[in-house]
């Protein structure tokens, strides 16, 4: 009789774990993993009304843009690991050149600008962290504050 109760309890626990893992969107309960998305996957992210964090790399090949992306991604990865969230990365070089200079965001594939880290809720930008407004020394603290605010809102 006790073995039957233990077995039933294990099954219930397993079911709860499976269901909770399936519901995880990486915002809470992630492992700090970065997932690269291509243009098709970014469009699907928006159309499927997903929730999560997205960093958009620079669309330009200058050394300073590459270095900024590397530094910002490093800080995001550090905070993501500490905060146990997963996030996405998209390389803006995949966007059509015409979109890079389009001011009307409704005509663009991605509303988010390159060199920014944004939180999407149901496929819409809830908030965006623009690194051009942040000094290099403050990046880590600002990313941490941004992630914590989005996780708890």
C-alpha atoms as a PDB file:
ATOM      1  CA  UNK A   1       0.000   0.000   0.000  1.00  0.00           C
ATOM      2  CA  UNK A   2       2.800   2.478   0.879  1.00  0.00           C
ATOM      3  CA  UNK A   3       4.627   1.635  -2.355  1.00  0.00           C
ATOM      4  CA  UNK A   4       1.503   2.565  -4.288  1.00  0.00           C
ATOM      5  CA  UNK A   5       1.327   5.980  -2.548  1.00  0.00           C
ATOM      6  CA  UNK A   6       5.014   6.647  -3.203  1.00  0.00           C
ATOM      7  CA  UNK A   7       4.631   5.688  -6.855  1.00  0.00           C
ATOM      8  CA  UNK A   8       1.540   7.920  -7.223  1.00  0.00           C
ATOM      9  CA  UNK A   9       3.368  10.807  -5.545  1.00  0.00           C
ATOM     10  CA  UNK A  10       6.319  10.392  -7.911  1.00  0.00           C
ATOM     11  CA  UNK A  11       4.016  10.437 -10.919  1.00  0.00           C
ATOM     12  CA  UNK A  12       2.328  13.637  -9.722  1.00  0.00           C
ATOM     13  CA  UNK A  13       5.707  15.275  -9.097  1.00  0.00           C
ATOM     14  CA  UNK A  14       6.964  14.244 -12.536  1.00  0.00           C
ATOM     15  CA  UNK A  15       3.813  15.620 -14.151  1.00  0.00           C
ATOM     16  CA  UNK A  16       4.201  18.971 -12.348  1.00  0.00           C
ATOM     17  CA  UNK A  17       7.850  19.231 -13.419  1.00  0.00           C
ATOM     18  CA  UNK A  18       7.041  18.448 -17.056  1.00  0.00           C
ATOM     19  CA  UNK A  19       4.186  20.949 -17.179  1.00  0.00           C
ATOM     20  CA  UNK A  20       6.216  23.712 -15.554  1.00  0.00           C
ATOM     21  CA  UNK A  21       9.163  23.085 -17.897  1.00  0.00           C
ATOM     22  CA  UNK A  22       6.885  23.304 -20.919  1.00  0.00           C
ATOM     23  CA  UNK A  23       5.523  26.650 -19.760  1.00  0.00           C
ATOM     24  CA  UNK A  24       8.976  28.181 -19.230  1.00  0.00           C
ATOM     25  CA  UNK A  25       9.653  30.986 -21.677  1.00  0.00           C
ATOM     26  CA  UNK A  26      13.198  31.573 -20.468  1.00  0.00           C
ATOM     27  CA  UNK A  27      12.240  34.774 -18.656  1.00  0.00           C
ATOM     28  CA  UNK A  28      12.093  32.964 -15.338  1.00  0.00           C
ATOM     29  CA  UNK A  29      13.778  29.653 -14.848  1.00  0.00           C
ATOM     30  CA  UNK A  30      16.248  29.913 -17.709  1.00  0.00           C
ATOM     31  CA  UNK A  31      19.938  29.131 -17.522  1.00  0.00           C
ATOM     32  CA  UNK A  32      21.437  32.250 -19.066  1.00  0.00           C
ATOM     33  CA  UNK A  33      21.552  30.788 -22.568  1.00  0.00           C
ATOM     34  CA  UNK A  34      21.760  32.978 -25.678  1.00  0.00           C
ATOM     35  CA  UNK A  35      19.971  31.718 -28.784  1.00  0.00           C
ATOM     36  CA  UNK A  36      20.841  33.194 -32.188  1.00  0.00           C
ATOM     37  CA  UNK A  37      17.798  33.890 -34.366  1.00  0.00           C
ATOM     38  CA  UNK A  38      17.759  34.412 -38.104  1.00  0.00           C
ATOM     39  CA  UNK A  39      15.370  36.794 -39.888  1.00  0.00           C
ATOM     40  CA  UNK A  40      12.688  34.136 -40.348  1.00  0.00           C
ATOM     41  CA  UNK A  41      12.852  33.180 -36.657  1.00  0.00           C
ATOM     42  CA  UNK A  42      12.622  36.830 -35.531  1.00  0.00           C
ATOM     43  CA  UNK A  43       9.509  37.284 -37.680  1.00  0.00           C
ATOM     44  CA  UNK A  44       8.027  34.127 -36.132  1.00  0.00           C
ATOM     45  CA  UNK A  45       8.887  35.421 -32.643  1.00  0.00           C
ATOM     46  CA  UNK A  46       6.782  38.536 -33.322  1.00  0.00           C
ATOM     47  CA  UNK A  47       3.956  36.782 -35.174  1.00  0.00           C
ATOM     48  CA  UNK A  48       3.659  34.039 -32.544  1.00  0.00           C
ATOM     49  CA  UNK A  49       3.477  36.739 -29.851  1.00  0.00           C
ATOM     50  CA  UNK A  50       6.384  35.324 -27.841  1.00  0.00           C
ATOM     51  CA  UNK A  51       7.732  36.752 -24.606  1.00  0.00           C
ATOM     52  CA  UNK A  52      11.440  37.184 -23.951  1.00  0.00           C
ATOM     53  CA  UNK A  53      14.581  39.290 -24.175  1.00  0.00           C
ATOM     54  CA  UNK A  54      16.208  40.157 -27.516  1.00  0.00           C
ATOM     55  CA  UNK A  55      19.540  41.799 -28.256  1.00  0.00           C
ATOM     56  CA  UNK A  56      19.969  43.167 -31.784  1.00  0.00           C
ATOM     57  CA  UNK A  57      23.555  43.306 -33.004  1.00  0.00           C
ATOM     58  CA  UNK A  58      24.778  46.201 -35.113  1.00  0.00           C
ATOM     59  CA  UNK A  59      24.059  46.105 -38.823  1.00  0.00           C
ATOM     60  CA  UNK A  60      27.466  47.599 -39.579  1.00  0.00           C
ATOM     61  CA  UNK A  61      30.922  46.032 -39.812  1.00  0.00           C
ATOM     62  CA  UNK A  62      33.089  48.709 -38.227  1.00  0.00           C
ATOM     63  CA  UNK A  63      35.549  47.592 -35.567  1.00  0.00           C
ATOM     64  CA  UNK A  64      33.901  49.836 -32.983  1.00  0.00           C
ATOM     65  CA  UNK A  65      30.432  48.340 -33.694  1.00  0.00           C
ATOM     66  CA  UNK A  66      31.803  44.803 -33.425  1.00  0.00           C
ATOM     67  CA  UNK A  67      33.567  45.667 -30.155  1.00  0.00           C
ATOM     68  CA  UNK A  68      30.420  47.293 -28.740  1.00  0.00           C
ATOM     69  CA  UNK A  69      28.360  44.204 -29.609  1.00  0.00           C
ATOM     70  CA  UNK A  70      30.958  41.921 -28.038  1.00  0.00           C
ATOM     71  CA  UNK A  71      31.121  43.969 -24.831  1.00  0.00           C
ATOM     72  CA  UNK A  72      27.354  44.386 -24.522  1.00  0.00           C
ATOM     73  CA  UNK A  73      26.673  40.710 -25.194  1.00  0.00           C
ATOM     74  CA  UNK A  74      29.268  39.750 -22.619  1.00  0.00           C
ATOM     75  CA  UNK A  75      27.521  41.884 -19.992  1.00  0.00           C
ATOM     76  CA  UNK A  76      24.082  40.561 -20.994  1.00  0.00           C
ATOM     77  CA  UNK A  77      25.333  36.962 -20.781  1.00  0.00           C
ATOM     78  CA  UNK A  78      26.797  37.617 -17.329  1.00  0.00           C
ATOM     79  CA  UNK A  79      23.538  39.120 -16.030  1.00  0.00           C
ATOM     80  CA  UNK A  80      21.396  36.480 -17.788  1.00  0.00           C
ATOM     81  CA  UNK A  81      23.335  33.713 -16.078  1.00  0.00           C
ATOM     82  CA  UNK A  82      23.060  35.398 -12.667  1.00  0.00           C
ATOM     83  CA  UNK A  83      19.348  36.157 -13.134  1.00  0.00           C
ATOM     84  CA  UNK A  84      18.637  32.744 -14.679  1.00  0.00           C
ATOM     85  CA  UNK A  85      17.028  34.032 -17.858  1.00  0.00           C
ATOM     86  CA  UNK A  86      17.530  33.012 -21.463  1.00  0.00           C
ATOM     87  CA  UNK A  87      17.646  35.567 -24.262  1.00  0.00           C
ATOM     88  CA  UNK A  88      17.749  35.842 -28.035  1.00  0.00           C
ATOM     89  CA  UNK A  89      20.280  37.508 -30.312  1.00  0.00           C
ATOM     90  CA  UNK A  90      19.577  38.767 -33.820  1.00  0.00           C
ATOM     91  CA  UNK A  91      22.178  40.116 -36.243  1.00  0.00           C
ATOM     92  CA  UNK A  92      20.734  43.230 -37.918  1.00  0.00           C
ATOM     93  CA  UNK A  93      22.970  42.567 -40.954  1.00  0.00           C
ATOM     94  CA  UNK A  94      20.237  40.145 -42.051  1.00  0.00           C
ATOM     95  CA  UNK A  95      17.754  42.986 -42.507  1.00  0.00           C
ATOM     96  CA  UNK A  96      17.263  44.444 -45.979  1.00  0.00           C
ATOM     97  CA  UNK A  97      19.402  47.571 -46.384  1.00  0.00           C
ATOM     98  CA  UNK A  98      16.300  49.690 -47.039  1.00  0.00           C
ATOM     99  CA  UNK A  99      15.032  48.893 -43.543  1.00  0.00           C
ATOM    100  CA  UNK A 100      18.181  50.121 -41.839  1.00  0.00           C
ATOM    101  CA  UNK A 101      17.301  53.715 -42.657  1.00  0.00           C
ATOM    102  CA  UNK A 102      13.500  53.486 -42.468  1.00  0.00           C
ATOM    103  CA  UNK A 103      12.243  55.894 -39.802  1.00  0.00           C
ATOM    104  CA  UNK A 104       8.646  54.621 -39.854  1.00  0.00           C
ATOM    105  CA  UNK A 105       8.866  51.574 -37.581  1.00  0.00           C
ATOM    106  CA  UNK A 106       5.541  50.226 -38.891  1.00  0.00           C
ATOM    107  CA  UNK A 107       7.250  49.625 -42.258  1.00  0.00           C
ATOM    108  CA  UNK A 108      10.118  47.668 -40.729  1.00  0.00           C
ATOM    109  CA  UNK A 109      10.393  43.962 -39.953  1.00  0.00           C
ATOM    110  CA  UNK A 110      11.780  44.741 -36.528  1.00  0.00           C
ATOM    111  CA  UNK A 111      10.734  47.776 -34.517  1.00  0.00           C
ATOM    112  CA  UNK A 112      13.818  47.465 -32.300  1.00  0.00           C
ATOM    113  CA  UNK A 113      17.007  49.283 -33.302  1.00  0.00           C
ATOM    114  CA  UNK A 114      20.413  47.656 -33.495  1.00  0.00           C
ATOM    115  CA  UNK A 115      22.632  47.902 -30.424  1.00  0.00           C
ATOM    116  CA  UNK A 116      19.660  47.611 -28.080  1.00  0.00           C
ATOM    117  CA  UNK A 117      18.373  45.018 -25.626  1.00  0.00           C
ATOM    118  CA  UNK A 118      14.594  44.782 -25.397  1.00  0.00           C
ATOM    119  CA  UNK A 119      11.968  42.850 -23.532  1.00  0.00           C
ATOM    120  CA  UNK A 120       9.043  41.580 -25.578  1.00  0.00           C
ATOM    121  CA  UNK A 121       5.746  40.602 -24.071  1.00  0.00           C
ATOM    122  CA  UNK A 122       3.397  38.732 -26.388  1.00  0.00           C
ATOM    123  CA  UNK A 123       5.391  39.824 -29.430  1.00  0.00           C
ATOM    124  CA  UNK A 124       5.394  43.539 -28.580  1.00  0.00           C
ATOM    125  CA  UNK A 125       8.240  45.600 -27.127  1.00  0.00           C
ATOM    126  CA  UNK A 126       7.460  46.343 -23.495  1.00  0.00           C
ATOM    127  CA  UNK A 127      10.724  48.200 -22.842  1.00  0.00           C
ATOM    128  CA  UNK A 128      14.084  48.731 -24.510  1.00  0.00           C
ATOM    129  CA  UNK A 129      17.579  49.409 -23.178  1.00  0.00           C
ATOM    130  CA  UNK A 130      19.531  51.625 -25.568  1.00  0.00           C
ATOM    131  CA  UNK A 131      23.252  51.266 -24.980  1.00  0.00           C
ATOM    132  CA  UNK A 132      24.074  54.568 -26.714  1.00  0.00           C
ATOM    133  CA  UNK A 133      22.649  56.335 -23.649  1.00  0.00           C
ATOM    134  CA  UNK A 134      24.846  54.396 -21.187  1.00  0.00           C
ATOM    135  CA  UNK A 135      28.498  54.893 -20.323  1.00  0.00           C
ATOM    136  CA  UNK A 136      30.722  51.828 -20.653  1.00  0.00           C
ATOM    137  CA  UNK A 137      31.210  51.696 -16.875  1.00  0.00           C
ATOM    138  CA  UNK A 138      27.447  51.605 -16.230  1.00  0.00           C
ATOM    139  CA  UNK A 139      26.467  48.900 -18.752  1.00  0.00           C
ATOM    140  CA  UNK A 140      26.510  45.972 -16.304  1.00  0.00           C
ATOM    141  CA  UNK A 141      24.427  47.761 -13.675  1.00  0.00           C
ATOM    142  CA  UNK A 142      21.921  49.038 -16.228  1.00  0.00           C
ATOM    143  CA  UNK A 143      21.489  45.591 -17.815  1.00  0.00           C
ATOM    144  CA  UNK A 144      20.970  44.042 -14.384  1.00  0.00           C
ATOM    145  CA  UNK A 145      18.419  46.699 -13.399  1.00  0.00           C
ATOM    146  CA  UNK A 146      16.612  46.334 -16.745  1.00  0.00           C
ATOM    147  CA  UNK A 147      16.375  42.522 -16.475  1.00  0.00           C
ATOM    148  CA  UNK A 148      15.192  42.639 -12.867  1.00  0.00           C
ATOM    149  CA  UNK A 149      12.520  45.226 -13.723  1.00  0.00           C
ATOM    150  CA  UNK A 150      11.229  43.164 -16.641  1.00  0.00           C
ATOM    151  CA  UNK A 151      11.228  39.905 -14.678  1.00  0.00           C
ATOM    152  CA  UNK A 152       9.159  41.396 -11.885  1.00  0.00           C
ATOM    153  CA  UNK A 153       6.697  43.487 -13.879  1.00  0.00           C
END
